[in-house]
Amino acid sequence: MVSKNNPSRRGRKDQDKLFDGKKVKPVLYVGSHVGHGRYMATQEENGKLVMDKEGKPIPYSRI
């Protein structure tokens, strides 16, 4: 029996996402205490969250 979790059997990784020419990655944002809820936000490689004009982290799915 072949394992479904074998990395060699998985599909090709999607390309890295870019925001303003910088690589970004998804990170769990928990903003429940300020009324933002909980979602996957966008983070630059240096650890800084990518914010919109209102100061709320941009969801990773919007990139």
PDB file of N, CA and C in Angstrom:
ATOM      1  N   MET A   1       0.850  -1.187   0.000  1.00  0.00           N
ATOM      2  CA  MET A   1       0.000   0.000   0.000  1.00  0.00           C
ATOM      3  C   MET A   1       0.890   1.243   0.000  1.00  0.00           C
ATOM      4  N   VAL A   2       0.548   2.197  -0.813  1.00  0.00           N
ATOM      5  CA  VAL A   2       1.322   3.425  -0.937  1.00  0.00           C
ATOM      6  C   VAL A   2       0.695   4.496  -0.045  1.00  0.00           C
ATOM      7  N   SER A   3       1.541   5.199   0.687  1.00  0.00           N
ATOM      8  CA  SER A   3       1.050   6.228   1.599  1.00  0.00           C
ATOM      9  C   SER A   3       0.587   7.464   0.830  1.00  0.00           C
ATOM     10  N   LYS A   4      -0.547   8.010   1.212  1.00  0.00           N
ATOM     11  CA  LYS A   4      -1.030   9.237   0.573  1.00  0.00           C
ATOM     12  C   LYS A   4      -0.261  10.465   1.064  1.00  0.00           C
ATOM     13  N   ASN A   5       0.531  10.307   2.119  1.00  0.00           N
ATOM     14  CA  ASN A   5       1.291  11.423   2.662  1.00  0.00           C
ATOM     15  C   ASN A   5       2.728  11.470   2.164  1.00  0.00           C
ATOM     16  N   ASN A   6       3.054  10.652   1.190  1.00  0.00           N
ATOM     17  CA  ASN A   6       4.397  10.633   0.612  1.00  0.00           C
ATOM     18  C   ASN A   6       4.633  11.944  -0.152  1.00  0.00           C
ATOM     19  N   PRO A   7       5.613  12.754   0.238  1.00  0.00           N
ATOM     20  CA  PRO A   7       5.855  14.040  -0.424  1.00  0.00           C
ATOM     21  C   PRO A   7       6.127  13.923  -1.921  1.00  0.00           C
ATOM     22  N   SER A   8       6.708  12.811  -2.373  1.00  0.00           N
ATOM     23  CA  SER A   8       7.003  12.665  -3.801  1.00  0.00           C
ATOM     24  C   SER A   8       5.734  12.456  -4.623  1.00  0.00           C
ATOM     25  N   ARG A   9       4.639  12.082  -3.999  1.00  0.00           N
ATOM     26  CA  ARG A   9       3.375  11.871  -4.707  1.00  0.00           C
ATOM     27  C   ARG A   9       2.486  13.113  -4.718  1.00  0.00           C
ATOM     28  N   ARG A  10       2.876  14.131  -3.981  1.00  0.00           N
ATOM     29  CA  ARG A  10       2.072  15.351  -3.932  1.00  0.00           C
ATOM     30  C   ARG A  10       2.266  16.166  -5.201  1.00  0.00           C
ATOM     31  N   GLY A  11       1.330  17.050  -5.462  1.00  0.00           N
ATOM     32  CA  GLY A  11       1.419  17.918  -6.630  1.00  0.00           C
ATOM     33  C   GLY A  11       2.516  18.966  -6.477  1.00  0.00           C
ATOM     34  N   ARG A  12       2.807  19.638  -7.585  1.00  0.00           N
ATOM     35  CA  ARG A  12       3.826  20.675  -7.580  1.00  0.00           C
ATOM     36  C   ARG A  12       3.368  21.841  -6.718  1.00  0.00           C
ATOM     37  N   LYS A  13       4.298  22.435  -5.972  1.00  0.00           N
ATOM     38  CA  LYS A  13       3.979  23.559  -5.102  1.00  0.00           C
ATOM     39  C   LYS A  13       3.633  24.781  -5.958  1.00  0.00           C
ATOM     40  N   ASP A  14       2.620  25.507  -5.534  1.00  0.00           N
ATOM     41  CA  ASP A  14       2.291  26.749  -6.221  1.00  0.00           C
ATOM     42  C   ASP A  14       3.457  27.712  -6.099  1.00  0.00           C
ATOM     43  N   GLN A  15       3.515  28.656  -7.016  1.00  0.00           N
ATOM     44  CA  GLN A  15       4.579  29.653  -6.954  1.00  0.00           C
ATOM     45  C   GLN A  15       4.409  30.490  -5.707  1.00  0.00           C
ATOM     46  N   ASP A  16       5.544  31.007  -5.212  1.00  0.00           N
ATOM     47  CA  ASP A  16       5.483  31.891  -4.059  1.00  0.00           C
ATOM     48  C   ASP A  16       4.725  33.150  -4.444  1.00  0.00           C
ATOM     49  N   LYS A  17       3.938  33.669  -3.525  1.00  0.00           N
ATOM     50  CA  LYS A  17       3.193  34.889  -3.789  1.00  0.00           C
ATOM     51  C   LYS A  17       4.061  36.099  -3.496  1.00  0.00           C
ATOM     52  N   LEU A  18       3.844  37.150  -4.265  1.00  0.00           N
ATOM     53  CA  LEU A  18       4.582  38.400  -4.093  1.00  0.00           C
ATOM     54  C   LEU A  18       3.606  39.524  -3.798  1.00  0.00           C
ATOM     55  N   PHE A  19       4.029  40.464  -2.958  1.00  0.00           N
ATOM     56  CA  PHE A  19       3.259  41.665  -2.666  1.00  0.00           C
ATOM     57  C   PHE A  19       4.233  42.824  -2.711  1.00  0.00           C
ATOM     58  N   ASP A  20       4.023  43.748  -3.622  1.00  0.00           N
ATOM     59  CA  ASP A  20       4.940  44.879  -3.840  1.00  0.00           C
ATOM     60  C   ASP A  20       6.367  44.394  -4.077  1.00  0.00           C
ATOM     61  N   GLY A  21       6.516  43.299  -4.808  1.00  0.00           N
ATOM     62  CA  GLY A  21       7.823  42.778  -5.154  1.00  0.00           C
ATOM     63  C   GLY A  21       8.526  42.004  -4.058  1.00  0.00           C
ATOM     64  N   LYS A  22       7.868  41.777  -2.936  1.00  0.00           N
ATOM     65  CA  LYS A  22       8.472  41.051  -1.818  1.00  0.00           C
ATOM     66  C   LYS A  22       7.747  39.722  -1.645  1.00  0.00           C
ATOM     67  N   LYS A  23       8.502  38.663  -1.304  1.00  0.00           N
ATOM     68  CA  LYS A  23       7.894  37.363  -1.032  1.00  0.00           C
ATOM     69  C   LYS A  23       7.081  37.452   0.248  1.00  0.00           C
ATOM     70  N   VAL A  24       5.912  36.832   0.226  1.00  0.00           N
ATOM     71  CA  VAL A  24       5.056  36.799   1.407  1.00  0.00           C
ATOM     72  C   VAL A  24       4.635  35.367   1.689  1.00  0.00           C
ATOM     73  N   LYS A  25       4.193  35.135   2.933  1.00  0.00           N
ATOM     74  CA  LYS A  25       3.744  33.812   3.339  1.00  0.00           C
ATOM     75  C   LYS A  25       2.503  33.958   4.217  1.00  0.00           C
ATOM     76  N   PRO A  26       1.708  32.872   4.337  1.00  0.00           N
ATOM     77  CA  PRO A  26       0.527  32.924   5.187  1.00  0.00           C
ATOM     78  C   PRO A  26       0.890  32.738   6.656  1.00  0.00           C
ATOM     79  N   VAL A  27       0.147  33.408   7.512  1.00  0.00           N
ATOM     80  CA  VAL A  27       0.346  33.287   8.955  1.00  0.00           C
ATOM     81  C   VAL A  27      -1.022  33.432   9.621  1.00  0.00           C
ATOM     82  N   LEU A  28      -1.259  32.676  10.679  1.00  0.00           N
ATOM     83  CA  LEU A  28      -2.536  32.765  11.378  1.00  0.00           C
ATOM     84  C   LEU A  28      -2.590  34.065  12.169  1.00  0.00           C
ATOM     85  N   TYR A  29      -3.605  34.871  11.893  1.00  0.00           N
ATOM     86  CA  TYR A  29      -3.811  36.138  12.608  1.00  0.00           C
ATOM     87  C   TYR A  29      -5.017  35.968  13.517  1.00  0.00           C
ATOM     88  N   VAL A  30      -4.826  36.226  14.798  1.00  0.00           N
ATOM     89  CA  VAL A  30      -5.916  36.140  15.768  1.00  0.00           C
ATOM     90  C   VAL A  30      -6.178  37.553  16.263  1.00  0.00           C
ATOM     91  N   GLY A  31      -7.202  38.183  15.684  1.00  0.00           N
ATOM     92  CA  GLY A  31      -7.534  39.552  16.044  1.00  0.00           C
ATOM     93  C   GLY A  31      -8.891  39.630  16.713  1.00  0.00           C
ATOM     94  N   SER A  32      -9.296  38.575  17.379  1.00  0.00           N
ATOM     95  CA  SER A  32     -10.610  38.535  18.028  1.00  0.00           C
ATOM     96  C   SER A  32     -10.758  39.617  19.081  1.00  0.00           C
ATOM     97  N   HIS A  33      -9.681  39.927  19.768  1.00  0.00           N
ATOM     98  CA  HIS A  33      -9.753  40.911  20.847  1.00  0.00           C
ATOM     99  C   HIS A  33      -9.944  42.340  20.324  1.00  0.00           C
ATOM    100  N   VAL A  34      -9.720  42.571  19.026  1.00  0.00           N
ATOM    101  CA  VAL A  34      -9.937  43.904  18.442  1.00  0.00           C
ATOM    102  C   VAL A  34     -11.051  43.880  17.403  1.00  0.00           C
ATOM    103  N   GLY A  35     -11.794  42.770  17.325  1.00  0.00           N
ATOM    104  CA  GLY A  35     -12.944  42.687  16.434  1.00  0.00           C
ATOM    105  C   GLY A  35     -12.625  42.294  15.001  1.00  0.00           C
ATOM    106  N   HIS A  36     -11.429  41.790  14.725  1.00  0.00           N
ATOM    107  CA  HIS A  36     -11.059  41.397  13.366  1.00  0.00           C
ATOM    108  C   HIS A  36     -11.309  39.928  13.084  1.00  0.00           C
ATOM    109  N   GLY A  37     -11.480  39.143  14.103  1.00  0.00           N
ATOM    110  CA  GLY A  37     -11.680  37.714  13.910  1.00  0.00           C
ATOM    111  C   GLY A  37     -10.364  36.974  13.798  1.00  0.00           C
ATOM    112  N   ARG A  38     -10.434  35.807  13.162  1.00  0.00           N
ATOM    113  CA  ARG A  38      -9.283  34.918  13.070  1.00  0.00           C
ATOM    114  C   ARG A  38      -9.193  34.413  11.632  1.00  0.00           C
ATOM    115  N   TYR A  39      -8.046  34.641  10.969  1.00  0.00           N
ATOM    116  CA  TYR A  39      -7.893  34.232   9.575  1.00  0.00           C
ATOM    117  C   TYR A  39      -6.416  34.160   9.200  1.00  0.00           C
ATOM    118  N   MET A  40      -6.146  33.629   8.000  1.00  0.00           N
ATOM    119  CA  MET A  40      -4.781  33.555   7.490  1.00  0.00           C
ATOM    120  C   MET A  40      -4.436  34.905   6.877  1.00  0.00           C
ATOM    121  N   ALA A  41      -3.484  35.581   7.482  1.00  0.00           N
ATOM    122  CA  ALA A  41      -3.056  36.902   7.030  1.00  0.00           C
ATOM    123  C   ALA A  41      -1.756  36.767   6.235  1.00  0.00           C
ATOM    124  N   THR A  42      -1.318  37.887   5.662  1.00  0.00           N
ATOM    125  CA  THR A  42      -0.111  37.931   4.851  1.00  0.00           C
ATOM    126  C   THR A  42       1.040  38.503   5.662  1.00  0.00           C
ATOM    127  N   GLN A  43       2.190  37.823   5.625  1.00  0.00           N
ATOM    128  CA  GLN A  43       3.360  38.264   6.362  1.00  0.00           C
ATOM    129  C   GLN A  43       4.561  38.292   5.426  1.00  0.00           C
ATOM    130  N   GLU A  44       5.366  39.357   5.508  1.00  0.00           N
ATOM    131  CA  GLU A  44       6.593  39.438   4.725  1.00  0.00           C
ATOM    132  C   GLU A  44       7.619  38.493   5.324  1.00  0.00           C
ATOM    133  N   GLU A  45       8.692  38.235   4.578  1.00  0.00           N
ATOM    134  CA  GLU A  45       9.725  37.328   5.064  1.00  0.00           C
ATOM    135  C   GLU A  45      10.404  37.836   6.333  1.00  0.00           C
ATOM    136  N   ASN A  46      10.432  39.160   6.532  1.00  0.00           N
ATOM    137  CA  ASN A  46      11.085  39.723   7.720  1.00  0.00           C
ATOM    138  C   ASN A  46      10.198  39.647   8.963  1.00  0.00           C
ATOM    139  N   GLY A  47       8.959  39.136   8.821  1.00  0.00           N
ATOM    140  CA  GLY A  47       8.072  38.953   9.967  1.00  0.00           C
ATOM    141  C   GLY A  47       7.022  40.032  10.136  1.00  0.00           C
ATOM    142  N   LYS A  48       7.045  41.054   9.289  1.00  0.00           N
ATOM    143  CA  LYS A  48       6.096  42.163   9.393  1.00  0.00           C
ATOM    144  C   LYS A  48       4.802  41.810   8.658  1.00  0.00           C
ATOM    145  N   LEU A  49       3.658  42.053   9.311  1.00  0.00           N
ATOM    146  CA  LEU A  49       2.364  41.819   8.672  1.00  0.00           C
ATOM    147  C   LEU A  49       2.120  42.872   7.607  1.00  0.00           C
ATOM    148  N   VAL A  50       1.475  42.467   6.510  1.00  0.00           N
ATOM    149  CA  VAL A  50       1.107  43.387   5.445  1.00  0.00           C
ATOM    150  C   VAL A  50      -0.261  43.960   5.803  1.00  0.00           C
ATOM    151  N   MET A  51      -0.337  45.280   5.977  1.00  0.00           N
ATOM    152  CA  MET A  51      -1.568  45.946   6.418  1.00  0.00           C
ATOM    153  C   MET A  51      -2.238  46.707   5.279  1.00  0.00           C
ATOM    154  N   ASP A  52      -3.567  46.875   5.387  1.00  0.00           N
ATOM    155  CA  ASP A  52      -4.286  47.715   4.429  1.00  0.00           C
ATOM    156  C   ASP A  52      -4.307  49.154   4.949  1.00  0.00           C
ATOM    157  N   LYS A  53      -5.057  50.021   4.277  1.00  0.00           N
ATOM    158  CA  LYS A  53      -5.086  51.442   4.644  1.00  0.00           C
ATOM    159  C   LYS A  53      -5.657  51.699   6.031  1.00  0.00           C
ATOM    160  N   GLU A  54      -6.540  50.824   6.489  1.00  0.00           N
ATOM    161  CA  GLU A  54      -7.162  50.990   7.804  1.00  0.00           C
ATOM    162  C   GLU A  54      -6.325  50.379   8.928  1.00  0.00           C
ATOM    163  N   GLY A  55      -5.222  49.734   8.599  1.00  0.00           N
ATOM    164  CA  GLY A  55      -4.373  49.127   9.617  1.00  0.00           C
ATOM    165  C   GLY A  55      -4.747  47.701   9.970  1.00  0.00           C
ATOM    166  N   LYS A  56      -5.556  47.072   9.125  1.00  0.00           N
ATOM    167  CA  LYS A  56      -5.964  45.685   9.345  1.00  0.00           C
ATOM    168  C   LYS A  56      -5.122  44.779   8.443  1.00  0.00           C
ATOM    169  N   PRO A  57      -4.608  43.650   8.950  1.00  0.00           N
ATOM    170  CA  PRO A  57      -3.810  42.745   8.114  1.00  0.00           C
ATOM    171  C   PRO A  57      -4.592  42.250   6.898  1.00  0.00           C
ATOM    172  N   ILE A  58      -3.914  42.183   5.761  1.00  0.00           N
ATOM    173  CA  ILE A  58      -4.538  41.733   4.515  1.00  0.00           C
ATOM    174  C   ILE A  58      -4.612  40.208   4.526  1.00  0.00           C
ATOM    175  N   PRO A  59      -5.807  39.635   4.228  1.00  0.00           N
ATOM    176  CA  PRO A  59      -5.926  38.174   4.153  1.00  0.00           C
ATOM    177  C   PRO A  59      -5.037  37.615   3.040  1.00  0.00           C
ATOM    178  N   TYR A  60      -4.413  36.470   3.278  1.00  0.00           N
ATOM    179  CA  TYR A  60      -3.520  35.847   2.310  1.00  0.00           C
ATOM    180  C   TYR A  60      -4.268  35.479   1.028  1.00  0.00           C
ATOM    181  N   SER A  61      -5.526  35.136   1.150  1.00  0.00           N
ATOM    182  CA  SER A  61      -6.308  34.747  -0.043  1.00  0.00           C
ATOM    183  C   SER A  61      -6.546  35.918  -0.980  1.00  0.00           C
ATOM    184  N   ARG A  62      -6.374  37.148  -0.512  1.00  0.00           N
ATOM    185  CA  ARG A  62      -6.577  38.331  -1.351  1.00  0.00           C
ATOM    186  C   ARG A  62      -5.332  38.714  -2.154  1.00  0.00           C
ATOM    187  N   ILE A  63      -4.217  38.036  -1.921  1.00  0.00           N
ATOM    188  CA  ILE A  63      -2.978  38.346  -2.634  1.00  0.00           C
ATOM    189  C   ILE A  63      -2.924  37.551  -3.918  1.00  0.00           C
TER     190      ILE A  63
END
